[in-house]
C-alpha atoms as a PDB file:
ATOM      1  CA  MET A   1     -73.807 167.665 -55.219  1.00  0.00           C
ATOM      2  CA  SER A   2     -72.780 170.586 -53.144  1.00  0.00           C
ATOM      3  CA  ASP A   3     -70.995 173.603 -54.510  1.00  0.00           C
ATOM      4  CA  GLN A   4     -67.738 172.522 -52.831  1.00  0.00           C
ATOM      5  CA  GLU A   5     -67.764 169.155 -54.648  1.00  0.00           C
ATOM      6  CA  ILE A   6     -68.431 170.849 -57.980  1.00  0.00           C
ATOM      7  CA  ASP A   7     -65.515 173.217 -57.346  1.00  0.00           C
ATOM      8  CA  ASP A   8     -63.273 170.204 -56.647  1.00  0.00           C
ATOM      9  CA  TYR A   9     -63.970 168.873 -60.136  1.00  0.00           C
ATOM     10  CA  ASP A  10     -63.168 172.173 -61.772  1.00  0.00           C
ATOM     11  CA  GLY A  11     -60.037 172.072 -63.957  1.00  0.00           C
ATOM     12  CA  ASP A  12     -58.472 175.127 -62.349  1.00  0.00           C
ATOM     13  CA  ASN A  13     -57.914 173.308 -59.056  1.00  0.00           C
ATOM     14  CA  PHE A  14     -55.540 170.711 -60.547  1.00  0.00           C
ATOM     15  CA  SER A  15     -51.900 171.164 -59.710  1.00  0.00           C
ATOM     16  CA  ASP A  16     -49.295 171.960 -62.322  1.00  0.00           C
ATOM     17  CA  SER A  17     -47.556 168.645 -61.661  1.00  0.00           C
ATOM     18  CA  SER A  18     -50.450 166.579 -63.047  1.00  0.00           C
ATOM     19  CA  HIS A  19     -49.964 165.313 -66.569  1.00  0.00           C
ATOM     20  CA  THR A  20     -52.344 163.832 -69.077  1.00  0.00           C
ATOM     21  CA  ILE A  21     -51.326 160.831 -71.139  1.00  0.00           C
ATOM     22  CA  GLN A  22     -51.007 161.900 -74.767  1.00  0.00           C
ATOM     23  CA  THR A  23     -50.489 158.398 -76.210  1.00  0.00           C
ATOM     24  CA  LEU A  24     -51.035 154.891 -74.977  1.00  0.00           C
ATOM     25  CA  PRO A  25     -48.098 153.305 -73.170  1.00  0.00           C
ATOM     26  CA  PRO A  26     -46.260 150.510 -74.975  1.00  0.00           C
ATOM     27  CA  TYR A  27     -47.331 146.977 -74.171  1.00  0.00           C
ATOM     28  CA  ASN A  28     -43.776 145.687 -73.940  1.00  0.00           C
ATOM     29  CA  MET A  29     -41.650 147.894 -71.727  1.00  0.00           C
ATOM     30  CA  GLU A  30     -38.424 146.159 -72.812  1.00  0.00           C
ATOM     31  CA  ASP A  31     -38.759 147.743 -76.266  1.00  0.00           C
ATOM     32  CA  GLN A  32     -38.717 151.252 -74.872  1.00  0.00           C
ATOM     33  CA  LEU A  33     -35.691 152.616 -73.075  1.00  0.00           C
ATOM     34  CA  LEU A  34     -36.721 155.385 -70.739  1.00  0.00           C
ATOM     35  CA  PRO A  35     -35.292 157.929 -71.495  1.00  0.00           C
ATOM     36  CA  MET A  36     -33.564 157.118 -74.783  1.00  0.00           C
ATOM     37  CA  GLU A  37     -30.111 158.609 -75.034  1.00  0.00           C
ATOM     38  CA  ARG A  38     -29.234 160.459 -78.228  1.00  0.00           C
ATOM     39  CA  ARG A  39     -25.956 159.793 -79.972  1.00  0.00           C
ATOM     40  CA  SER A  40     -23.353 162.456 -80.538  1.00  0.00           C
ATOM     41  CA  THR A  41     -23.228 164.165 -83.929  1.00  0.00           C
ATOM     42  CA  CYS A  42     -20.245 162.132 -85.123  1.00  0.00           C
ATOM     43  CA  GLY A  43     -21.741 158.922 -83.797  1.00  0.00           C
ATOM     44  CA  CYS A  44     -25.055 159.703 -85.435  1.00  0.00           C
ATOM     45  CA  TRP A  45     -23.372 160.285 -88.803  1.00  0.00           C
ATOM     46  CA  ALA A  46     -21.303 157.099 -88.467  1.00  0.00           C
ATOM     47  CA  TRP A  47     -24.343 154.977 -87.594  1.00  0.00           C
ATOM     48  CA  THR A  48     -26.333 156.628 -90.397  1.00  0.00           C
ATOM     49  CA  CYS A  49     -23.610 155.677 -92.868  1.00  0.00           C
ATOM     50  CA  LEU A  50     -23.685 152.126 -91.494  1.00  0.00           C
ATOM     51  CA  VAL A  51     -27.477 151.927 -91.839  1.00  0.00           C
ATOM     52  CA  VAL A  52     -27.324 153.331 -95.384  1.00  0.00           C
ATOM     53  CA  ALA A  53     -24.636 150.790 -96.303  1.00  0.00           C
ATOM     54  CA  MET A  54     -26.704 147.980 -94.798  1.00  0.00           C
ATOM     55  CA  ASN A  55     -29.815 149.138 -96.672  1.00  0.00           C
ATOM     56  CA  SER A  56     -27.812 149.375 -99.908  1.00  0.00           C
ATOM     57  CA  LEU A  57     -26.557 145.831 -99.404  1.00  0.00           C
ATOM     58  CA  ALA A  58     -30.105 144.615 -98.764  1.00  0.00           C
ATOM     59  CA  PHE A  59     -31.283 146.418-101.920  1.00  0.00           C
ATOM     60  CA  LEU A  60     -28.471 144.841-103.948  1.00  0.00           C
ATOM     61  CA  LEU A  61     -29.343 141.400-102.571  1.00  0.00           C
ATOM     62  CA  ASN A  62     -33.009 141.893-103.493  1.00  0.00           C
ATOM     63  CA  PHE A  63     -32.117 143.182-106.950  1.00  0.00           C
ATOM     64  CA  LEU A  64     -29.731 140.300-107.694  1.00  0.00           C
ATOM     65  CA  LEU A  65     -32.279 137.751-106.531  1.00  0.00           C
ATOM     66  CA  MET A  66     -34.970 139.349-108.671  1.00  0.00           C
ATOM     67  CA  ALA A  67     -32.651 139.524-111.725  1.00  0.00           C
ATOM     68  CA  ALA A  68     -31.682 135.863-111.326  1.00  0.00           C
ATOM     69  CA  ILE A  69     -35.292 134.702-111.021  1.00  0.00           C
ATOM     70  CA  PHE A  70     -36.484 136.831-113.940  1.00  0.00           C
ATOM     71  CA  SER A  71     -33.623 135.705-116.197  1.00  0.00           C
ATOM     72  CA  VAL A  72     -34.225 132.014-115.476  1.00  0.00           C
ATOM     73  CA  VAL A  73     -38.012 132.164-115.859  1.00  0.00           C
ATOM     74  CA  LEU A  74     -37.993 134.431-118.932  1.00  0.00           C
ATOM     75  CA  LEU A  75     -35.217 132.499-120.699  1.00  0.00           C
ATOM     76  CA  PRO A  76     -37.563 130.522-123.016  1.00  0.00           C
ATOM     77  CA  ALA A  77     -39.316 133.672-124.241  1.00  0.00           C
ATOM     78  CA  ILE A  78     -35.995 135.456-124.765  1.00  0.00           C
ATOM     79  CA  VAL A  79     -34.573 132.549-126.765  1.00  0.00           C
ATOM     80  CA  VAL A  80     -37.667 132.289-128.984  1.00  0.00           C
ATOM     81  CA  VAL A  81     -37.680 136.039-129.725  1.00  0.00           C
ATOM     82  CA  TYR A  82     -33.922 135.997-130.364  1.00  0.00           C
ATOM     83  CA  PHE A  83     -34.145 133.207-132.936  1.00  0.00           C
ATOM     84  CA  GLY A  84     -37.163 134.878-134.558  1.00  0.00           C
ATOM     85  CA  PHE A  85     -35.294 138.152-135.022  1.00  0.00           C
ATOM     86  CA  GLN A  86     -32.053 136.460-136.035  1.00  0.00           C
ATOM     87  CA  CYS A  87     -33.580 134.462-138.877  1.00  0.00           C
ATOM     88  CA  HIS A  88     -36.025 137.041-140.269  1.00  0.00           C
ATOM     89  CA  SER A  89     -34.827 138.430-143.609  1.00  0.00           C
ATOM     90  CA  ARG A  90     -35.797 142.033-142.844  1.00  0.00           C
ATOM     91  CA  VAL A  91     -34.068 142.174-139.451  1.00  0.00           C
ATOM     92  CA  LEU A  92     -30.749 140.320-139.225  1.00  0.00           C
ATOM     93  CA  HIS A  93     -31.028 137.515-141.816  1.00  0.00           C
ATOM     94  CA  SER A  94     -28.353 135.262-140.445  1.00  0.00           C
ATOM     95  CA  THR A  95     -26.541 132.810-142.715  1.00  0.00           C
ATOM     96  CA  ALA A  96     -26.708 130.078-140.072  1.00  0.00           C
ATOM     97  CA  TYR A  97     -27.734 126.589-141.220  1.00  0.00           C
ATOM     98  CA  TYR A  98     -30.970 126.494-139.215  1.00  0.00           C
ATOM     99  CA  CYS A  99     -32.032 129.881-140.604  1.00  0.00           C
ATOM    100  CA  GLN A 100     -31.627 128.719-144.196  1.00  0.00           C
ATOM    101  CA  THR A 101     -33.107 125.229-143.864  1.00  0.00           C
ATOM    102  CA  ILE A 102     -35.659 125.307-141.026  1.00  0.00           C
ATOM    103  CA  LEU A 103     -36.822 128.888-140.473  1.00  0.00           C
ATOM    104  CA  ASP A 104     -38.195 131.116-143.208  1.00  0.00           C
ATOM    105  CA  ASP A 105     -39.749 134.585-142.817  1.00  0.00           C
ATOM    106  CA  ASN A 106     -43.183 133.235-141.853  1.00  0.00           C
ATOM    107  CA  SER A 107     -41.847 130.926-139.158  1.00  0.00           C
ATOM    108  CA  SER A 108     -39.533 133.685-137.881  1.00  0.00           C
ATOM    109  CA  SER A 109     -42.520 136.027-137.562  1.00  0.00           C
ATOM    110  CA  ALA A 110     -44.403 133.282-135.741  1.00  0.00           C
ATOM    111  CA  LEU A 111     -41.492 132.854-133.314  1.00  0.00           C
ATOM    112  CA  ILE A 112     -41.369 136.590-132.615  1.00  0.00           C
ATOM    113  CA  ILE A 113     -45.119 136.724-131.937  1.00  0.00           C
ATOM    114  CA  LEU A 114     -45.024 133.558-129.819  1.00  0.00           C
ATOM    115  CA  GLY A 115     -42.129 134.911-127.747  1.00  0.00           C
ATOM    116  CA  PHE A 116     -43.900 138.156-126.943  1.00  0.00           C
ATOM    117  CA  VAL A 117     -47.185 136.353-126.204  1.00  0.00           C
ATOM    118  CA  ILE A 118     -45.639 133.928-123.697  1.00  0.00           C
ATOM    119  CA  MET A 119     -43.636 136.735-122.075  1.00  0.00           C
ATOM    120  CA  SER A 120     -46.632 138.204-120.214  1.00  0.00           C
ATOM    121  CA  PRO A 121     -47.566 135.081-118.226  1.00  0.00           C
ATOM    122  CA  LEU A 122     -43.905 134.345-117.550  1.00  0.00           C
ATOM    123  CA  ILE A 123     -43.437 137.833-116.086  1.00  0.00           C
ATOM    124  CA  VAL A 124     -46.376 137.185-113.748  1.00  0.00           C
ATOM    125  CA  VAL A 125     -44.948 133.790-112.741  1.00  0.00           C
ATOM    126  CA  SER A 126     -41.481 135.217-112.100  1.00  0.00           C
ATOM    127  CA  MET A 127     -42.861 138.107-110.037  1.00  0.00           C
ATOM    128  CA  ALA A 128     -44.981 135.717-107.953  1.00  0.00           C
ATOM    129  CA  LEU A 129     -41.947 133.481-107.437  1.00  0.00           C
ATOM    130  CA  TYR A 130     -39.783 136.424-106.359  1.00  0.00           C
ATOM    131  CA  CYS A 131     -42.430 137.777-103.968  1.00  0.00           C
ATOM    132  CA  SER A 132     -42.997 134.396-102.326  1.00  0.00           C
ATOM    133  CA  LEU A 133     -39.261 133.816-101.945  1.00  0.00           C
ATOM    134  CA  ALA A 134     -38.696 137.310-100.556  1.00  0.00           C
ATOM    135  CA  ARG A 135     -41.558 136.830 -98.096  1.00  0.00           C
ATOM    136  CA  ARG A 136     -40.284 133.409 -97.007  1.00  0.00           C
ATOM    137  CA  LEU A 137     -36.738 134.701 -96.471  1.00  0.00           C
ATOM    138  CA  HIS A 138     -37.992 137.950 -94.854  1.00  0.00           C
ATOM    139  CA  LEU A 139     -35.782 140.007 -97.167  1.00  0.00           C
ATOM    140  CA  PHE A 140     -37.774 143.197 -96.685  1.00  0.00           C
ATOM    141  CA  LEU A 141     -37.109 143.086 -92.915  1.00  0.00           C
ATOM    142  CA  CYS A 142     -33.418 143.618 -93.654  1.00  0.00           C
ATOM    143  CA  PHE A 143     -34.121 147.277 -94.431  1.00  0.00           C
ATOM    144  CA  GLN A 144     -33.606 149.451 -91.350  1.00  0.00           C
ATOM    145  CA  PRO A 145     -34.921 152.993 -90.860  1.00  0.00           C
ATOM    146  CA  CYS A 146     -32.257 155.682 -90.455  1.00  0.00           C
ATOM    147  CA  ALA A 147     -33.960 156.812 -87.250  1.00  0.00           C
ATOM    148  CA  ARG A 148     -32.432 153.777 -85.513  1.00  0.00           C
ATOM    149  CA  ALA A 149     -29.027 155.442 -85.803  1.00  0.00           C
ATOM    150  CA  MET A 150     -30.052 158.444 -83.709  1.00  0.00           C
ATOM    151  CA  TYR A 151     -30.501 156.739 -80.322  1.00  0.00           C
ATOM    152  CA  LYS A 152     -28.323 154.394 -78.298  1.00  0.00           C
ATOM    153  CA  GLY A 153     -29.585 151.003 -77.214  1.00  0.00           C
ATOM    154  CA  VAL A 154     -32.270 150.538 -79.868  1.00  0.00           C
ATOM    155  CA  LYS A 155     -32.447 146.937 -81.018  1.00  0.00           C
ATOM    156  CA  TRP A 156     -32.144 146.198 -84.703  1.00  0.00           C
ATOM    157  CA  ARG A 157     -35.220 144.765 -86.350  1.00  0.00           C
ATOM    158  CA  TRP A 158     -33.414 141.663 -87.656  1.00  0.00           C
ATOM    159  CA  TYR A 159     -32.083 140.971 -84.148  1.00  0.00           C
ATOM    160  CA  GLU A 160     -35.594 141.073 -82.698  1.00  0.00           C
ATOM    161  CA  GLU A 161     -36.916 138.707 -85.357  1.00  0.00           C
ATOM    162  CA  GLY A 162     -34.519 135.907 -84.450  1.00  0.00           C
ATOM    163  CA  GLY A 163     -31.513 136.319 -86.686  1.00  0.00           C
ATOM    164  CA  LEU A 164     -30.419 137.978 -89.867  1.00  0.00           C
ATOM    165  CA  CYS A 165     -33.580 138.771 -91.832  1.00  0.00           C
ATOM    166  CA  GLY A 166     -35.646 136.506 -89.585  1.00  0.00           C
ATOM    167  CA  CYS A 167     -34.569 133.303 -91.326  1.00  0.00           C
ATOM    168  CA  VAL A 168     -33.832 131.518 -88.059  1.00  0.00           C
ATOM    169  CA  LYS A 169     -37.281 132.263 -86.665  1.00  0.00           C
ATOM    170  CA  GLU A 170     -38.880 130.934 -89.859  1.00  0.00           C
ATOM    171  CA  TRP A 171     -36.890 127.699 -89.665  1.00  0.00           C
ATOM    172  CA  ASN A 172     -37.710 127.114 -86.001  1.00  0.00           C
ATOM    173  CA  HIS A 173     -41.451 127.776 -86.101  1.00  0.00           C
ATOM    174  CA  HIS A 174     -44.011 126.570 -88.594  1.00  0.00           C
ATOM    175  CA  VAL A 175     -46.838 129.040 -88.996  1.00  0.00           C
ATOM    176  CA  LYS A 176     -50.163 127.643 -90.157  1.00  0.00           C
ATOM    177  CA  ALA A 177     -53.100 129.801 -91.081  1.00  0.00           C
ATOM    178  CA  TRP A 178     -56.518 129.137 -92.498  1.00  0.00           C
ATOM    179  CA  VAL A 179     -57.199 131.005 -95.705  1.00  0.00           C
END
């Protein structure tokens, strides 16, 4: 190469208008609005309050679903422990008919131990049931980041997924995967 060609490749000869790409461009240009317009301060606070309210509602929905599943699955263990404590003479010693005729202190102790022993596998079953139901209903996609409230025109995640929490997309398409 000649000296002129080497000088052409020198970094000082580039113009100030040339830019280097810092990150890769998005694959789907519809997702990115160029340039994104910021909301006003009042609008940003209003949308932030809306997003926080929506996230609180999604949290409450998740918590109620989890409480319902846990209470139904753990009901046998709770009942067994309750009757064990109710009929034991050193705890409550109820005067109920079944406590005096059927359950003595030894059988009450056995019920208490049995209830706590079967509680561990039932907790695992109820947690697996909740996680599979939450995954099937896409409940965790209902949570929205507060950064969505800062810019105008940003699509909500549940809208992109095909409906509220993605339930419509799940009903319309059957996904099969080899495990």
